[in-house]
C-alpha atoms as a PDB file:
ATOM      1  CA  MET A   1       0.175  -1.672 -29.428  1.00  0.00           C
ATOM      2  CA  LYS A   2       3.089  -0.424 -32.374  1.00  0.00           C
ATOM      3  CA  THR A   3       5.454   1.864 -30.891  1.00  0.00           C
ATOM      4  CA  ARG A   4       3.919   5.109 -31.910  1.00  0.00           C
ATOM      5  CA  GLU A   5       1.287   4.568 -30.071  1.00  0.00           C
ATOM      6  CA  ILE A   6       2.982   3.550 -26.907  1.00  0.00           C
ATOM      7  CA  ALA A   7       4.972   6.700 -27.297  1.00  0.00           C
ATOM      8  CA  GLU A   8       1.792   8.841 -28.254  1.00  0.00           C
ATOM      9  CA  PHE A   9       0.329   7.111 -24.874  1.00  0.00           C
ATOM     10  CA  LEU A  10       2.640   8.134 -22.492  1.00  0.00           C
ATOM     11  CA  ASN A  11       3.741  11.809 -24.607  1.00  0.00           C
ATOM     12  CA  GLY A  12       6.952  10.646 -25.297  1.00  0.00           C
ATOM     13  CA  GLN A  13       9.938  10.826 -28.174  1.00  0.00           C
ATOM     14  CA  LEU A  14      10.219   7.803 -29.697  1.00  0.00           C
ATOM     15  CA  ASP A  15      13.275   7.606 -31.807  1.00  0.00           C
ATOM     16  CA  GLY A  16      13.282   4.818 -34.459  1.00  0.00           C
ATOM     17  CA  ASP A  17      10.883   2.577 -36.067  1.00  0.00           C
ATOM     18  CA  GLY A  18       7.240   3.217 -35.365  1.00  0.00           C
ATOM     19  CA  ASP A  19       5.400   0.354 -36.259  1.00  0.00           C
ATOM     20  CA  ARG A  20       7.390  -2.470 -34.548  1.00  0.00           C
ATOM     21  CA  GLU A  21       4.890  -4.481 -32.789  1.00  0.00           C
ATOM     22  CA  ILE A  22       4.732  -4.570 -29.085  1.00  0.00           C
ATOM     23  CA  LEU A  23       2.801  -7.269 -27.095  1.00  0.00           C
ATOM     24  CA  ARG A  24       4.034  -7.228 -23.432  1.00  0.00           C
ATOM     25  CA  VAL A  25       6.587  -6.252 -20.992  1.00  0.00           C
ATOM     26  CA  ALA A  26       9.113  -7.450 -19.459  1.00  0.00           C
ATOM     27  CA  SER A  27      12.184  -6.742 -17.285  1.00  0.00           C
ATOM     28  CA  LEU A  28      15.652  -5.355 -19.282  1.00  0.00           C
ATOM     29  CA  GLU A  29      17.494  -8.739 -18.722  1.00  0.00           C
ATOM     30  CA  LYS A  30      14.476 -11.064 -19.900  1.00  0.00           C
ATOM     31  CA  ALA A  31      12.754  -8.681 -22.685  1.00  0.00           C
ATOM     32  CA  GLY A  32      12.741 -10.397 -26.129  1.00  0.00           C
ATOM     33  CA  GLU A  33      11.947  -8.280 -29.622  1.00  0.00           C
ATOM     34  CA  ASP A  34       8.004  -7.696 -28.958  1.00  0.00           C
ATOM     35  CA  GLU A  35       8.532  -6.862 -25.292  1.00  0.00           C
ATOM     36  CA  LEU A  36       9.027  -3.462 -23.685  1.00  0.00           C
ATOM     37  CA  SER A  37      11.256  -2.658 -20.651  1.00  0.00           C
ATOM     38  CA  PHE A  38      13.147   0.267 -19.397  1.00  0.00           C
ATOM     39  CA  ILE A  39      16.479   2.115 -17.700  1.00  0.00           C
ATOM     40  CA  GLU A  40      16.449   5.277 -15.775  1.00  0.00           C
ATOM     41  CA  LYS A  41      19.512   5.877 -16.101  1.00  0.00           C
ATOM     42  CA  PRO A  42      21.019   7.227 -19.671  1.00  0.00           C
ATOM     43  CA  GLU A  43      25.144   6.593 -18.553  1.00  0.00           C
ATOM     44  CA  GLY A  44      26.012   2.603 -19.240  1.00  0.00           C
ATOM     45  CA  PHE A  45      23.875   1.754 -21.465  1.00  0.00           C
ATOM     46  CA  PRO A  46      22.743  -2.165 -21.377  1.00  0.00           C
ATOM     47  CA  ALA A  47      23.329  -5.018 -24.563  1.00  0.00           C
ATOM     48  CA  GLY A  48      20.076  -6.567 -24.844  1.00  0.00           C
ATOM     49  CA  ASN A  49      17.164  -8.142 -27.060  1.00  0.00           C
ATOM     50  CA  ALA A  50      14.082  -5.656 -26.554  1.00  0.00           C
ATOM     51  CA  GLY A  51      11.541  -4.737 -28.496  1.00  0.00           C
ATOM     52  CA  CYS A  52      11.692  -0.968 -27.143  1.00  0.00           C
ATOM     53  CA  LEU A  53      13.244   0.899 -24.896  1.00  0.00           C
ATOM     54  CA  LEU A  54      11.512   3.646 -22.459  1.00  0.00           C
ATOM     55  CA  VAL A  55      14.570   6.140 -21.582  1.00  0.00           C
ATOM     56  CA  PRO A  56      15.170   9.073 -19.616  1.00  0.00           C
ATOM     57  CA  GLU A  57      15.096  12.628 -21.649  1.00  0.00           C
ATOM     58  CA  ASN A  58      18.604  13.212 -22.001  1.00  0.00           C
ATOM     59  CA  PHE A  59      19.381   9.386 -23.127  1.00  0.00           C
ATOM     60  CA  ASP A  60      21.803  10.224 -25.950  1.00  0.00           C
ATOM     61  CA  ALA A  61      23.332   6.548 -26.618  1.00  0.00           C
ATOM     62  CA  VAL A  62      21.794   5.423 -30.585  1.00  0.00           C
ATOM     63  CA  PRO A  63      20.836   1.768 -30.224  1.00  0.00           C
ATOM     64  CA  ASN A  64      19.730   0.072 -32.610  1.00  0.00           C
ATOM     65  CA  ILE A  65      16.100  -0.906 -31.296  1.00  0.00           C
ATOM     66  CA  PRO A  66      13.057   2.392 -30.950  1.00  0.00           C
ATOM     67  CA  ILE A  67      13.547   4.424 -28.192  1.00  0.00           C
ATOM     68  CA  ILE A  68      11.041   6.356 -26.567  1.00  0.00           C
ATOM     69  CA  LYS A  69      12.323   9.164 -24.420  1.00  0.00           C
ATOM     70  CA  VAL A  70      10.199  10.563 -21.546  1.00  0.00           C
ATOM     71  CA  LYS A  71      10.465  12.311 -18.029  1.00  0.00           C
ATOM     72  CA  ASN A  72      10.298   9.241 -15.671  1.00  0.00           C
ATOM     73  CA  PRO A  73      11.219   5.833 -17.960  1.00  0.00           C
ATOM     74  CA  LYS A  74       9.769   3.803 -14.351  1.00  0.00           C
ATOM     75  CA  LEU A  75       6.617   5.407 -14.228  1.00  0.00           C
ATOM     76  CA  ALA A  76       6.008   5.680 -18.164  1.00  0.00           C
ATOM     77  CA  PHE A  77       6.298   1.682 -17.783  1.00  0.00           C
ATOM     78  CA  ALA A  78       4.312   0.903 -14.867  1.00  0.00           C
ATOM     79  CA  ARG A  79       0.906   3.515 -17.274  1.00  0.00           C
ATOM     80  CA  ILE A  80       1.759   0.714 -19.959  1.00  0.00           C
ATOM     81  CA  ALA A  81       2.130  -1.553 -18.678  1.00  0.00           C
ATOM     82  CA  ALA A  82      -1.683  -1.356 -17.393  1.00  0.00           C
ATOM     83  CA  VAL A  83      -2.845  -0.562 -20.835  1.00  0.00           C
ATOM     84  CA  LEU A  84      -0.575  -3.879 -22.367  1.00  0.00           C
ATOM     85  CA  HIS A  85      -1.247  -6.243 -19.241  1.00  0.00           C
ATOM     86  CA  PRO A  86      -5.421  -4.936 -18.191  1.00  0.00           C
ATOM     87  CA  PRO A  87      -7.064  -6.814 -15.273  1.00  0.00           C
ATOM     88  CA  LYS A  88      -9.027  -9.881 -15.994  1.00  0.00           C
ATOM     89  CA  LYS A  89     -12.673  -8.332 -17.031  1.00  0.00           C
ATOM     90  CA  ARG A  90     -14.977 -10.377 -15.056  1.00  0.00           C
ATOM     91  CA  GLU A  91     -18.572 -10.501 -16.354  1.00  0.00           C
ATOM     92  CA  SER A  92     -21.859  -9.626 -15.371  1.00  0.00           C
ATOM     93  CA  LEU A  93     -22.809 -12.804 -12.547  1.00  0.00           C
ATOM     94  CA  THR A  94     -24.054 -13.670  -9.216  1.00  0.00           C
ATOM     95  CA  HIS A  95     -23.321 -17.535  -8.593  1.00  0.00           C
ATOM     96  CA  ASN A  96     -25.849 -19.690  -7.479  1.00  0.00           C
ATOM     97  CA  SER A  97     -24.703 -20.069  -4.195  1.00  0.00           C
ATOM     98  CA  ALA A  98     -24.581 -16.759  -3.198  1.00  0.00           C
ATOM     99  CA  VAL A  99     -26.245 -15.839  -0.158  1.00  0.00           C
ATOM    100  CA  ILE A 100     -28.113 -12.212  -0.345  1.00  0.00           C
ATOM    101  CA  SER A 101     -30.089 -10.124   1.504  1.00  0.00           C
ATOM    102  CA  LYS A 102     -33.423  -9.022   0.023  1.00  0.00           C
ATOM    103  CA  SER A 103     -32.966  -5.667   1.719  1.00  0.00           C
ATOM    104  CA  ALA A 104     -29.404  -5.230   0.222  1.00  0.00           C
ATOM    105  CA  LYS A 105     -29.129  -2.775  -2.733  1.00  0.00           C
ATOM    106  CA  LEU A 106     -26.970  -4.541  -5.986  1.00  0.00           C
ATOM    107  CA  GLY A 107     -25.569  -2.016  -8.734  1.00  0.00           C
ATOM    108  CA  LYS A 108     -25.632  -2.830 -12.409  1.00  0.00           C
ATOM    109  CA  ASP A 109     -22.028  -5.227 -13.768  1.00  0.00           C
ATOM    110  CA  LEU A 110     -21.794  -6.529 -10.774  1.00  0.00           C
ATOM    111  CA  PHE A 111     -19.713  -9.921 -10.687  1.00  0.00           C
ATOM    112  CA  ILE A 112     -20.862 -12.294  -6.988  1.00  0.00           C
ATOM    113  CA  GLY A 113     -18.724 -15.703  -6.762  1.00  0.00           C
ATOM    114  CA  ALA A 114     -19.373 -18.448  -4.712  1.00  0.00           C
ATOM    115  CA  PHE A 115     -20.243 -18.438  -1.782  1.00  0.00           C
ATOM    116  CA  VAL A 116     -20.128 -14.886  -1.162  1.00  0.00           C
ATOM    117  CA  CYS A 117     -22.504 -13.287   1.450  1.00  0.00           C
ATOM    118  CA  ILE A 118     -24.473  -9.987   1.532  1.00  0.00           C
ATOM    119  CA  GLY A 119     -26.198  -8.877   4.891  1.00  0.00           C
ATOM    120  CA  GLU A 120     -29.338  -6.691   5.185  1.00  0.00           C
ATOM    121  CA  HIS A 121     -29.700  -3.173   3.955  1.00  0.00           C
ATOM    122  CA  SER A 122     -26.299  -3.268   2.268  1.00  0.00           C
ATOM    123  CA  GLU A 123     -24.997  -1.716  -0.389  1.00  0.00           C
ATOM    124  CA  ILE A 124     -22.307  -2.962  -3.662  1.00  0.00           C
ATOM    125  CA  GLY A 125     -22.254   0.118  -6.363  1.00  0.00           C
ATOM    126  CA  ASP A 126     -21.639  -0.379  -9.945  1.00  0.00           C
ATOM    127  CA  GLY A 127     -19.068  -2.632 -12.096  1.00  0.00           C
ATOM    128  CA  THR A 128     -17.594  -3.947  -8.277  1.00  0.00           C
ATOM    129  CA  VAL A 129     -16.573  -7.465  -8.493  1.00  0.00           C
ATOM    130  CA  LEU A 130     -16.860  -9.292  -5.012  1.00  0.00           C
ATOM    131  CA  ARG A 131     -14.765 -13.034  -5.319  1.00  0.00           C
ATOM    132  CA  ALA A 132     -15.394 -16.335  -4.108  1.00  0.00           C
ATOM    133  CA  GLY A 133     -15.989 -16.142  -0.301  1.00  0.00           C
ATOM    134  CA  ALA A 134     -16.170 -12.762   0.252  1.00  0.00           C
ATOM    135  CA  LYS A 135     -18.518 -11.704   3.728  1.00  0.00           C
ATOM    136  CA  ILE A 136     -20.750  -8.206   3.570  1.00  0.00           C
ATOM    137  CA  GLY A 137     -22.418  -7.519   7.058  1.00  0.00           C
ATOM    138  CA  ASP A 138     -24.784  -5.405   7.342  1.00  0.00           C
ATOM    139  CA  ASN A 139     -25.579  -1.992   6.598  1.00  0.00           C
ATOM    140  CA  VAL A 140     -22.196  -1.773   4.596  1.00  0.00           C
ATOM    141  CA  LYS A 141     -21.526   1.092   1.525  1.00  0.00           C
ATOM    142  CA  ILE A 142     -19.081   0.318  -0.968  1.00  0.00           C
ATOM    143  CA  GLY A 143     -18.617   2.134  -4.103  1.00  0.00           C
ATOM    144  CA  ALA A 144     -18.830   1.775  -7.754  1.00  0.00           C
ATOM    145  CA  ASN A 145     -15.510  -0.552  -9.009  1.00  0.00           C
ATOM    146  CA  CYS A 146     -14.669  -2.021  -6.020  1.00  0.00           C
ATOM    147  CA  VAL A 147     -12.420  -5.281  -6.858  1.00  0.00           C
ATOM    148  CA  LEU A 148     -12.589  -7.944  -3.154  1.00  0.00           C
ATOM    149  CA  HIS A 149     -10.421 -10.487  -3.194  1.00  0.00           C
ATOM    150  CA  PRO A 150     -11.265 -14.279  -1.829  1.00  0.00           C
ATOM    151  CA  ASN A 151     -12.878 -14.169   1.484  1.00  0.00           C
ATOM    152  CA  VAL A 152     -12.475 -10.494   2.599  1.00  0.00           C
ATOM    153  CA  PHE A 153     -14.561  -9.918   5.779  1.00  0.00           C
ATOM    154  CA  ILE A 154     -16.380  -6.326   5.547  1.00  0.00           C
ATOM    155  CA  GLU A 155     -18.459  -6.569   9.283  1.00  0.00           C
ATOM    156  CA  ASP A 156     -21.234  -4.535  10.007  1.00  0.00           C
ATOM    157  CA  GLY A 157     -21.895  -0.483   8.969  1.00  0.00           C
ATOM    158  CA  CYS A 158     -18.282  -0.240   6.902  1.00  0.00           C
ATOM    159  CA  ARG A 159     -17.875   2.269   4.083  1.00  0.00           C
ATOM    160  CA  ILE A 160     -15.757   1.925   1.251  1.00  0.00           C
ATOM    161  CA  GLY A 161     -15.018   4.274  -1.782  1.00  0.00           C
ATOM    162  CA  ASN A 162     -14.528   3.913  -4.849  1.00  0.00           C
ATOM    163  CA  ASN A 163     -12.011   1.867  -7.252  1.00  0.00           C
ATOM    164  CA  THR A 164     -10.798   0.245  -3.814  1.00  0.00           C
ATOM    165  CA  ILE A 165      -9.407  -3.077  -3.797  1.00  0.00           C
ATOM    166  CA  LEU A 166      -9.088  -5.963  -0.907  1.00  0.00           C
ATOM    167  CA  HIS A 167      -6.404  -8.734  -1.534  1.00  0.00           C
ATOM    168  CA  CYS A 168      -7.638 -11.838   0.166  1.00  0.00           C
ATOM    169  CA  GLY A 169      -7.851 -11.864   3.890  1.00  0.00           C
ATOM    170  CA  VAL A 170      -8.058  -8.634   4.949  1.00  0.00           C
ATOM    171  CA  VAL A 171     -10.853  -7.891   7.902  1.00  0.00           C
ATOM    172  CA  ILE A 172     -12.482  -4.455   7.904  1.00  0.00           C
ATOM    173  CA  GLY A 173     -14.240  -3.308  10.708  1.00  0.00           C
ATOM    174  CA  ALA A 174     -13.364  -6.262  13.248  1.00  0.00           C
ATOM    175  CA  ASP A 175     -13.106  -5.306  16.895  1.00  0.00           C
ATOM    176  CA  GLY A 176     -10.642  -3.102  18.338  1.00  0.00           C
ATOM    177  CA  PHE A 177      -7.902  -4.077  21.376  1.00  0.00           C
ATOM    178  CA  GLY A 178      -9.843  -2.400  24.108  1.00  0.00           C
ATOM    179  CA  TYR A 179      -9.755  -3.586  27.561  1.00  0.00           C
ATOM    180  CA  ILE A 180      -9.710  -1.884  31.024  1.00  0.00           C
ATOM    181  CA  ARG A 181      -8.049  -3.431  33.990  1.00  0.00           C
ATOM    182  CA  ASP A 182     -10.611  -4.602  37.081  1.00  0.00           C
ATOM    183  CA  GLY A 183      -8.035  -5.377  39.707  1.00  0.00           C
ATOM    184  CA  ALA A 184      -8.326  -9.116  40.493  1.00  0.00           C
ATOM    185  CA  ASN A 185     -11.098  -9.967  38.239  1.00  0.00           C
ATOM    186  CA  GLY A 186      -9.404  -9.382  35.015  1.00  0.00           C
ATOM    187  CA  TYR A 187     -10.715  -7.254  32.095  1.00  0.00           C
ATOM    188  CA  GLU A 188     -13.541  -5.489  31.318  1.00  0.00           C
ATOM    189  CA  LYS A 189     -14.544  -5.439  27.562  1.00  0.00           C
ATOM    190  CA  PHE A 190     -14.289  -1.339  26.365  1.00  0.00           C
ATOM    191  CA  PRO A 191     -16.917  -0.870  23.566  1.00  0.00           C
ATOM    192  CA  GLN A 192     -16.073  -0.596  20.140  1.00  0.00           C
ATOM    193  CA  LEU A 193     -18.881   0.409  18.675  1.00  0.00           C
ATOM    194  CA  GLY A 194     -17.157   2.692  15.982  1.00  0.00           C
ATOM    195  CA  THR A 195     -16.953   1.977  12.360  1.00  0.00           C
ATOM    196  CA  VAL A 196     -14.550   1.989   9.643  1.00  0.00           C
ATOM    197  CA  THR A 197     -14.058   4.416   6.638  1.00  0.00           C
ATOM    198  CA  ILE A 198     -11.874   4.037   3.973  1.00  0.00           C
ATOM    199  CA  GLY A 199     -11.664   6.136   0.460  1.00  0.00           C
ATOM    200  CA  ASP A 200     -11.874   6.363  -2.703  1.00  0.00           C
ATOM    201  CA  ASP A 201      -8.515   4.477  -4.828  1.00  0.00           C
ATOM    202  CA  VAL A 202      -7.126   2.544  -1.877  1.00  0.00           C
ATOM    203  CA  GLU A 203      -5.268  -0.773  -1.701  1.00  0.00           C
ATOM    204  CA  ILE A 204      -4.588  -3.049   1.005  1.00  0.00           C
ATOM    205  CA  GLY A 205      -2.659  -6.049   1.235  1.00  0.00           C
ATOM    206  CA  ALA A 206      -3.384  -9.265   2.165  1.00  0.00           C
ATOM    207  CA  ASN A 207      -4.260 -10.265   5.668  1.00  0.00           C
ATOM    208  CA  SER A 208      -4.140  -7.151   6.251  1.00  0.00           C
ATOM    209  CA  CYS A 209      -7.078  -5.968   9.562  1.00  0.00           C
ATOM    210  CA  VAL A 210      -8.607  -2.371   9.812  1.00  0.00           C
ATOM    211  CA  ASP A 211     -10.000  -2.031  13.467  1.00  0.00           C
ATOM    212  CA  ARG A 212     -13.343  -0.446  13.878  1.00  0.00           C
ATOM    213  CA  GLY A 213     -13.625   2.603  16.029  1.00  0.00           C
ATOM    214  CA  ALA A 214     -14.234   2.328  19.371  1.00  0.00           C
ATOM    215  CA  LEU A 215     -16.606   5.218  19.774  1.00  0.00           C
ATOM    216  CA  GLY A 216     -15.789   7.028  16.672  1.00  0.00           C
ATOM    217  CA  GLU A 217     -14.698   5.744  13.220  1.00  0.00           C
ATOM    218  CA  THR A 218     -11.082   4.080  11.980  1.00  0.00           C
ATOM    219  CA  ARG A 219     -10.560   6.344   8.626  1.00  0.00           C
ATOM    220  CA  ILE A 220      -8.354   5.398   5.554  1.00  0.00           C
ATOM    221  CA  GLY A 221      -8.181   8.513   3.634  1.00  0.00           C
ATOM    222  CA  ASN A 222      -7.964   8.467  -0.472  1.00  0.00           C
ATOM    223  CA  GLY A 223      -4.996   6.889  -2.425  1.00  0.00           C
ATOM    224  CA  THR A 224      -3.438   5.535   0.210  1.00  0.00           C
ATOM    225  CA  LYS A 225      -1.547   2.029  -0.087  1.00  0.00           C
ATOM    226  CA  ILE A 226      -1.354  -0.494   2.299  1.00  0.00           C
ATOM    227  CA  ASP A 227       0.837  -3.454   1.987  1.00  0.00           C
ATOM    228  CA  ASN A 228       0.288  -7.283   3.436  1.00  0.00           C
ATOM    229  CA  LEU A 229       0.238  -8.095   6.854  1.00  0.00           C
ATOM    230  CA  VAL A 230      -0.453  -4.492   8.326  1.00  0.00           C
ATOM    231  CA  GLN A 231      -2.623  -4.180  11.925  1.00  0.00           C
ATOM    232  CA  ILE A 232      -4.435  -0.977  11.906  1.00  0.00           C
ATOM    233  CA  ALA A 233      -5.850  -0.460  14.922  1.00  0.00           C
ATOM    234  CA  HIS A 234      -9.416   1.525  16.323  1.00  0.00           C
ATOM    235  CA  ASN A 235      -9.514   4.887  15.670  1.00  0.00           C
ATOM    236  CA  VAL A 236      -6.610   5.305  13.769  1.00  0.00           C
ATOM    237  CA  ARG A 237      -6.481   8.494  10.723  1.00  0.00           C
ATOM    238  CA  ILE A 238      -4.923   7.896   7.770  1.00  0.00           C
ATOM    239  CA  GLY A 239      -4.399  10.467   5.328  1.00  0.00           C
ATOM    240  CA  GLU A 240      -4.247  10.374   1.262  1.00  0.00           C
ATOM    241  CA  ARG A 241      -1.740   8.644  -0.051  1.00  0.00           C
ATOM    242  CA  VAL A 242       0.093   7.274   2.670  1.00  0.00           C
ATOM    243  CA  VAL A 243       1.978   4.040   1.664  1.00  0.00           C
ATOM    244  CA  ILE A 244       2.376   1.315   4.547  1.00  0.00           C
ATOM    245  CA  ALA A 245       4.775  -1.343   4.094  1.00  0.00           C
ATOM    246  CA  SER A 246       4.114  -4.676   5.422  1.00  0.00           C
ATOM    247  CA  GLN A 247       4.456  -6.147   8.880  1.00  0.00           C
ATOM    248  CA  THR A 248       3.826  -2.147  10.708  1.00  0.00           C
ATOM    249  CA  GLY A 249       1.266  -2.265  13.353  1.00  0.00           C
ATOM    250  CA  ILE A 250      -0.351   1.288  14.268  1.00  0.00           C
ATOM    251  CA  SER A 251      -1.746   1.530  17.694  1.00  0.00           C
ATOM    252  CA  GLY A 252      -5.198   2.932  19.072  1.00  0.00           C
ATOM    253  CA  SER A 253      -5.910   6.461  18.108  1.00  0.00           C
ATOM    254  CA  THR A 254      -2.802   7.322  15.920  1.00  0.00           C
ATOM    255  CA  VAL A 255      -2.521  10.355  13.483  1.00  0.00           C
ATOM    256  CA  ILE A 256      -0.552   9.650  10.001  1.00  0.00           C
ATOM    257  CA  GLU A 257      -1.409  12.970   7.855  1.00  0.00           C
ATOM    258  CA  ASP A 258      -0.920  13.050   4.260  1.00  0.00           C
ATOM    259  CA  ASP A 259       1.701  11.934   1.821  1.00  0.00           C
ATOM    260  CA  CYS A 260       4.048  10.161   4.249  1.00  0.00           C
ATOM    261  CA  VAL A 261       5.849   6.857   3.915  1.00  0.00           C
ATOM    262  CA  ILE A 262       5.902   4.451   6.678  1.00  0.00           C
ATOM    263  CA  GLY A 263       8.484   1.170   6.173  1.00  0.00           C
ATOM    264  CA  GLY A 264       8.026  -2.200   7.245  1.00  0.00           C
ATOM    265  CA  GLN A 265       7.569  -3.472  10.710  1.00  0.00           C
ATOM    266  CA  VAL A 266       7.182  -0.263  12.064  1.00  0.00           C
ATOM    267  CA  GLY A 267       6.158   0.083  15.421  1.00  0.00           C
ATOM    268  CA  PHE A 268       3.483   2.596  16.166  1.00  0.00           C
ATOM    269  CA  GLY A 269       2.456   3.369  20.163  1.00  0.00           C
ATOM    270  CA  ASP A 270      -0.841   4.726  20.758  1.00  0.00           C
ATOM    271  CA  HIS A 271      -2.107   8.727  19.876  1.00  0.00           C
ATOM    272  CA  ALA A 272       1.178   9.207  18.244  1.00  0.00           C
ATOM    273  CA  THR A 273       0.498  12.264  14.848  1.00  0.00           C
ATOM    274  CA  VAL A 274       3.139  11.684  11.876  1.00  0.00           C
ATOM    275  CA  ARG A 275       2.836  15.306  10.349  1.00  0.00           C
ATOM    276  CA  SER A 276       2.828  15.572   6.642  1.00  0.00           C
ATOM    277  CA  GLY A 277       5.559  14.461   4.324  1.00  0.00           C
ATOM    278  CA  ALA A 278       7.122  12.409   7.214  1.00  0.00           C
ATOM    279  CA  ILE A 279       9.324   9.353   5.727  1.00  0.00           C
ATOM    280  CA  ILE A 280       9.825   6.011   8.708  1.00  0.00           C
ATOM    281  CA  GLY A 281      12.495   3.752   8.487  1.00  0.00           C
ATOM    282  CA  SER A 282      12.121  -0.026   8.262  1.00  0.00           C
ATOM    283  CA  GLN A 283      11.551  -1.300  12.222  1.00  0.00           C
ATOM    284  CA  ALA A 284      11.281   2.074  13.809  1.00  0.00           C
ATOM    285  CA  GLY A 285       9.807   2.631  16.487  1.00  0.00           C
ATOM    286  CA  VAL A 286       7.073   5.254  17.127  1.00  0.00           C
ATOM    287  CA  LEU A 287       7.077   5.655  21.139  1.00  0.00           C
ATOM    288  CA  PRO A 288       3.640   6.769  22.809  1.00  0.00           C
ATOM    289  CA  GLY A 289       2.610  10.387  22.072  1.00  0.00           C
ATOM    290  CA  LYS A 290       5.455  10.736  19.886  1.00  0.00           C
ATOM    291  CA  ILE A 291       4.975  13.411  16.963  1.00  0.00           C
ATOM    292  CA  VAL A 292       6.928  12.729  13.785  1.00  0.00           C
ATOM    293  CA  ARG A 293       7.112  15.998  11.471  1.00  0.00           C
ATOM    294  CA  ALA A 294       7.781  15.895   7.451  1.00  0.00           C
ATOM    295  CA  GLY A 295      11.913  14.477   7.006  1.00  0.00           C
ATOM    296  CA  VAL A 296      13.428  10.849   7.168  1.00  0.00           C
ATOM    297  CA  TRP A 297      13.049   9.221  10.436  1.00  0.00           C
ATOM    298  CA  TRP A 298      14.682   5.700  12.146  1.00  0.00           C
ATOM    299  CA  GLY A 299      15.411   3.484  14.646  1.00  0.00           C
ATOM    300  CA  THR A 300      13.921   3.501  18.128  1.00  0.00           C
ATOM    301  CA  PRO A 301      12.785   5.304  19.475  1.00  0.00           C
ATOM    302  CA  VAL A 302      12.451   7.538  16.130  1.00  0.00           C
ATOM    303  CA  GLN A 303      14.774  10.167  15.772  1.00  0.00           C
ATOM    304  CA  PRO A 304      16.107  12.165  12.710  1.00  0.00           C
ATOM    305  CA  LEU A 305      17.890  10.200  10.382  1.00  0.00           C
ATOM    306  CA  ASP A 306      21.316  12.109  10.802  1.00  0.00           C
ATOM    307  CA  GLU A 307      21.136  11.404  14.444  1.00  0.00           C
ATOM    308  CA  TYR A 308      19.990   7.942  14.332  1.00  0.00           C
ATOM    309  CA  LYS A 309      23.732   7.831  11.898  1.00  0.00           C
ATOM    310  CA  ARG A 310      25.810   9.305  14.688  1.00  0.00           C
ATOM    311  CA  GLN A 311      24.699   7.104  17.507  1.00  0.00           C
ATOM    312  CA  ASN A 312      25.001   4.406  15.356  1.00  0.00           C
ATOM    313  CA  ALA A 313      28.176   5.172  15.135  1.00  0.00           C
ATOM    314  CA  HIS A 314      28.960   5.670  18.396  1.00  0.00           C
ATOM    315  CA  VAL A 315      27.921   2.488  19.266  1.00  0.00           C
ATOM    316  CA  LYS A 316      30.341   0.697  16.501  1.00  0.00           C
ATOM    317  CA  GLY A 317      33.269   2.434  17.872  1.00  0.00           C
ATOM    318  CA  LEU A 318      32.060   1.756  21.397  1.00  0.00           C
ATOM    319  CA  ALA A 319      34.759  -1.761  20.587  1.00  0.00           C
ATOM    320  CA  ARG A 320      37.895   0.854  19.757  1.00  0.00           C
ATOM    321  CA  LEU A 321      37.131   2.846  23.006  1.00  0.00           C
ATOM    322  CA  LYS A 322      37.003   0.119  25.418  1.00  0.00           C
ATOM    323  CA  GLU A 323      40.236  -1.058  24.325  1.00  0.00           C
ATOM    324  CA  GLU A 324      42.125   2.582  24.457  1.00  0.00           C
ATOM    325  CA  VAL A 325      40.237   2.679  28.197  1.00  0.00           C
ATOM    326  CA  LYS A 326      42.280  -0.484  28.847  1.00  0.00           C
ATOM    327  CA  GLU A 327      45.694   0.926  27.873  1.00  0.00           C
ATOM    328  CA  LEU A 328      44.668   4.180  29.710  1.00  0.00           C
ATOM    329  CA  LYS A 329      44.275   2.293  32.720  1.00  0.00           C
ATOM    330  CA  LYS A 330      47.379   0.354  32.452  1.00  0.00           C
ATOM    331  CA  ARG A 331      49.621   3.708  31.851  1.00  0.00           C
ATOM    332  CA  ILE A 332      47.854   5.130  34.812  1.00  0.00           C
ATOM    333  CA  LYS A 333      48.651   1.829  37.238  1.00  0.00           C
END
């Protein structure tokens, strides 16, 4: 794209050559004369070889390359990157090794890769891509323009919305971890008869698992993004536009409301509730039944960030306090 086309697409203000051709995006340090990069702060303009820069609206330097002023350079960079680097377009295809039930209902323009399996009475929406080894159980419904990467497994009766991406090894609808102690006889398995419902525009990272509800559903709302290696247990309800980082584990019947941010390796006890707008820092521990309200939280057990900082400062001062107590004991003696 020419720089003026990029500025028009982003509703930005172009300063400089509007006919310079941009082929791709790159980091600021490595960008060349046919590449686009960005800076987030107006001060400290760095020297570089980029062909064009996205800059904040209050940027007042005069570089010798075209710049495009936008409200949020990083967001604008992501949007134009999606145009300059579109995902691979897979032509309509059904590989001859795919196993598809005669009762399955298939949409238009599908890509069905090698060794894909589609079970009885399942529905696949228009434009969806099922890459090699994807397994779809019985009575599954998948919306339009979804992408299931290799070896994704969707169990019977689950529902996937439109424009959803499931990365390699994702498992949707496995049995939840539900057992009842039977004294000396060990454990009796509690029935896992529910389902999983996933909304539109959801993305789930590689090797993450979303368990089916025990007697109801496990639900993930529209626009939620989940990282790799996340475990979501039975009957969990996650709202819209939630972000969950890697290695987080969410126990059964936990509720996470809209617009929450969950850091990596956070552990949730069962029946916890996270209110809309809460941010939980990495490696925090949320006890069973805990209610986490809007704000920033950290620590184990999880607590408001300011309180966590105070407690952390006290712990760091214990060594000094210990020496002071020893000195006081000597003086008293």
